[in-house]
Every structure is written in C-alpha cells, then in structure tokens.
Amino acid sequence: MKGYYKMDDETGKCFDESGWFHTTDLGYIEDEDNFVITGRIKDMFISGGTNVYPAEVENFLYTFPKIHQVAVVGVPDERMGERGMAFIILKEGQTSSEKEILDFCKDKIANYKIPKYVKFVNEIPMAGVGKVQSSNYRSRPSMN
C-alpha cells in the first residue's frame, strides 16, 4: 500500500520509521492464510480511565439469544468521561427490557464494560463497508 488516496496527513500517521504500515485493526491469525479482523483500535472509548472496545462488548451481547443486531458506542458522561450505550435490534417476535439486558451482563463482563444505557431501535445506521456509523450516536443520550 502506498497510502490513502488524497490523504497525505493520514498516510503519514500510519507508516513508522521502518516503513511498516499500521492499520489500527485488531484481530488474530486464524491459520497461515487468514487474518480475522475483530475491531479497530480507534473504535474505543475511555470510561473512568479504562479503555473500552465496543466490538468486545458487542460480541458478548450477541450471546444473548434475543439480540439480532447491536452497536455499542461511547457517550459523554460527566463523572466517567464516557459510558457505553448499546443500541439493540431484537430478533423478530422477541421482547426485552433494559433491565433484562443489564442483568444478563452482570457478573459476566467487567462492570466498566457494561453499557450504562440500552436503547431498542429498529435500525442501526451502517457505513458502506458494513461498519456502524457510530458518529450518529456520540451525543448525550436521549432516553425518550
């Protein structure tokens, strides 16, 4: 890769002194030929001084049998800096509540990873590459 198209500043940030390109992708090598991307370093928020990776929280929430789709983003919080907010689309015919989701998380993931807010939605805005457009959600949450 030579760099980002017409984005010289961004390209300069991604190459180190030795010429290595750093993508900020998180993942693991499944076998010799496959690199599985699980998230991005930049897709992180800081809650009470601790890094929280939304992809990790989302992957956990997908183990809840009623959830069809979920997106977790950091939203402003006066005390903690940011807190997690989970936007959830339930599977067809399912019902749930914020309490049920939070109870599911309790004692299974670290407290700082448990979303403070849960909002049930009908759709989650996605970018062209199938990534959640989290910038749509980065304002103070409205619980209406």
Protein backbone atom coordinates (compact mmCIF):
# COMPACT_ATOMS: atom_id res chain seq x y z
CA MET A 1 0.00 0.00 0.00
CA LYS A 2 1.29 3.43 -0.91
CA GLY A 3 -1.16 5.32 1.26
CA TYR A 4 -4.63 6.76 1.49
CA TYR A 5 -5.93 8.41 -1.66
CA LYS A 6 -5.50 12.20 -1.46
CA MET A 7 -4.97 12.00 2.33
CA ASP A 8 -1.26 12.62 2.83
CA ASP A 9 -1.60 13.58 6.51
CA GLU A 10 -3.45 10.34 7.37
CA THR A 11 -0.96 8.31 5.33
CA GLY A 12 1.94 9.86 7.25
CA LYS A 13 0.40 8.83 10.58
CA CYS A 14 0.14 5.16 9.56
CA PHE A 15 3.73 4.46 8.47
CA ASP A 16 6.51 4.09 11.05
CA GLU A 17 10.21 4.94 10.62
CA SER A 18 10.93 1.46 9.20
CA GLY A 19 8.23 1.72 6.56
CA TRP A 20 5.71 -0.57 8.30
CA PHE A 21 2.06 0.33 7.74
CA HIS A 22 -0.09 0.27 10.89
CA THR A 23 -3.77 -0.21 10.12
CA THR A 24 -5.13 0.11 13.69
CA ASP A 25 -7.13 -3.07 13.06
CA LEU A 26 -7.49 -5.58 15.89
CA GLY A 27 -7.57 -9.26 15.11
CA TYR A 28 -5.83 -12.59 15.12
CA ILE A 29 -4.33 -15.03 12.67
CA GLU A 30 -6.67 -17.98 12.31
CA ASP A 31 -4.24 -20.08 10.30
CA GLU A 32 -1.40 -19.37 7.90
CA ASP A 33 -3.64 -17.66 5.38
CA ASN A 34 -6.43 -15.90 7.29
CA PHE A 35 -6.35 -12.76 9.38
CA VAL A 36 -9.64 -12.27 11.23
CA ILE A 37 -10.46 -8.63 11.99
CA THR A 38 -12.36 -8.26 15.26
CA GLY A 39 -12.38 -4.47 15.65
CA ARG A 40 -10.34 -1.32 15.44
CA ILE A 41 -8.10 0.39 17.98
CA LYS A 42 -9.70 3.72 17.12
CA ASP A 43 -13.13 2.25 17.87
CA MET A 44 -12.60 2.66 21.57
CA PHE A 45 -13.83 4.94 24.28
CA ILE A 46 -12.40 5.69 27.70
CA SER A 47 -14.61 5.17 30.73
CA GLY A 48 -13.15 6.19 34.07
CA GLY A 49 -9.62 5.96 32.66
CA THR A 50 -10.14 2.45 31.22
CA ASN A 51 -10.19 1.63 27.51
CA VAL A 52 -13.43 0.01 26.38
CA TYR A 53 -13.60 -1.65 22.98
CA PRO A 54 -17.18 -1.62 21.65
CA ALA A 55 -16.55 -4.70 19.46
CA GLU A 56 -15.72 -6.73 22.57
CA VAL A 57 -18.93 -5.65 24.32
CA GLU A 58 -20.96 -6.23 21.15
CA ASN A 59 -19.53 -9.74 20.73
CA PHE A 60 -20.58 -10.52 24.30
CA LEU A 61 -24.08 -9.08 23.80
CA TYR A 62 -24.54 -11.23 20.69
CA THR A 63 -24.55 -14.23 23.04
CA PHE A 64 -27.90 -13.01 24.40
CA PRO A 65 -30.39 -15.12 22.42
CA LYS A 66 -32.91 -12.32 21.77
CA ILE A 67 -30.47 -9.92 20.08
CA HIS A 68 -30.40 -9.71 16.30
CA GLN A 69 -28.02 -6.75 15.98
CA VAL A 70 -26.20 -4.49 18.41
CA ALA A 71 -23.97 -1.43 18.28
CA VAL A 72 -22.14 -0.06 21.32
CA VAL A 73 -20.76 3.48 21.36
CA GLY A 74 -19.27 5.76 23.97
CA VAL A 75 -21.43 8.69 25.01
CA PRO A 76 -20.41 11.64 27.21
CA ASP A 77 -20.64 11.15 30.96
CA GLU A 78 -19.77 13.92 33.43
CA ARG A 79 -18.25 11.59 36.04
CA MET A 80 -16.63 8.87 33.90
CA GLY A 81 -15.76 10.82 30.75
CA GLU A 82 -17.67 8.37 28.58
CA ARG A 83 -20.02 5.46 29.22
CA GLY A 84 -21.29 2.75 26.93
CA MET A 85 -24.63 2.91 25.21
CA ALA A 86 -25.97 -0.19 23.46
CA PHE A 87 -28.35 0.19 20.54
CA ILE A 88 -30.16 -3.11 20.10
CA ILE A 89 -32.36 -4.62 17.42
CA LEU A 90 -34.19 -7.63 18.79
CA LYS A 91 -34.91 -10.78 16.82
CA GLU A 92 -38.34 -10.88 15.23
CA GLY A 93 -41.05 -11.66 17.77
CA GLN A 94 -38.80 -11.05 20.79
CA THR A 95 -39.29 -8.53 23.59
CA SER A 96 -36.84 -7.41 26.23
CA SER A 97 -36.08 -4.58 28.60
CA GLU A 98 -33.07 -2.52 29.60
CA LYS A 99 -33.08 -4.35 32.95
CA GLU A 100 -33.02 -7.77 31.29
CA ILE A 101 -30.03 -6.80 29.13
CA LEU A 102 -28.11 -5.28 32.06
CA ASP A 103 -28.88 -8.28 34.29
CA PHE A 104 -27.53 -10.54 31.52
CA CYS A 105 -24.25 -8.58 31.57
CA LYS A 106 -23.88 -8.51 35.36
CA ASP A 107 -21.10 -10.77 36.69
CA LYS A 108 -20.27 -11.94 33.14
CA ILE A 109 -18.25 -8.97 31.91
CA ALA A 110 -16.32 -6.30 33.77
CA ASN A 111 -18.50 -3.57 35.29
CA TYR A 112 -16.79 -0.84 33.24
CA LYS A 113 -17.78 -2.69 30.04
CA ILE A 114 -21.47 -2.97 30.93
CA PRO A 115 -23.39 -0.31 28.98
CA LYS A 116 -24.94 2.36 31.15
CA TYR A 117 -27.71 2.88 28.62
CA VAL A 118 -29.68 0.45 26.47
CA LYS A 119 -31.92 1.66 23.68
CA PHE A 120 -34.03 -0.59 21.47
CA VAL A 121 -34.12 0.59 17.85
CA ASN A 122 -35.48 -0.59 14.50
CA GLU A 123 -32.31 0.10 12.55
CA ILE A 124 -28.64 0.91 13.07
CA PRO A 125 -27.02 3.25 10.53
CA MET A 126 -24.22 1.46 8.69
CA ALA A 127 -21.39 2.79 6.54
CA GLY A 128 -20.80 1.32 3.10
CA VAL A 129 -18.37 -1.29 4.46
CA GLY A 130 -20.83 -2.70 6.98
CA LYS A 131 -19.40 -0.71 9.87
CA VAL A 132 -21.71 1.07 12.32
CA GLN A 133 -21.77 4.82 11.79
CA SER A 134 -21.13 5.46 15.47
CA SER A 135 -20.72 9.20 14.91
CA ASN A 136 -24.53 9.29 14.66
CA TYR A 137 -24.70 8.28 18.33
CA ARG A 138 -21.90 10.23 20.02
CA SER A 139 -24.07 12.89 21.67
CA ARG A 140 -25.59 12.80 25.13
CA PRO A 141 -28.18 10.00 25.14
CA SER A 142 -31.85 10.73 24.91
CA MET A 143 -33.83 8.10 26.73
CA ASN A 144 -37.19 9.03 25.16
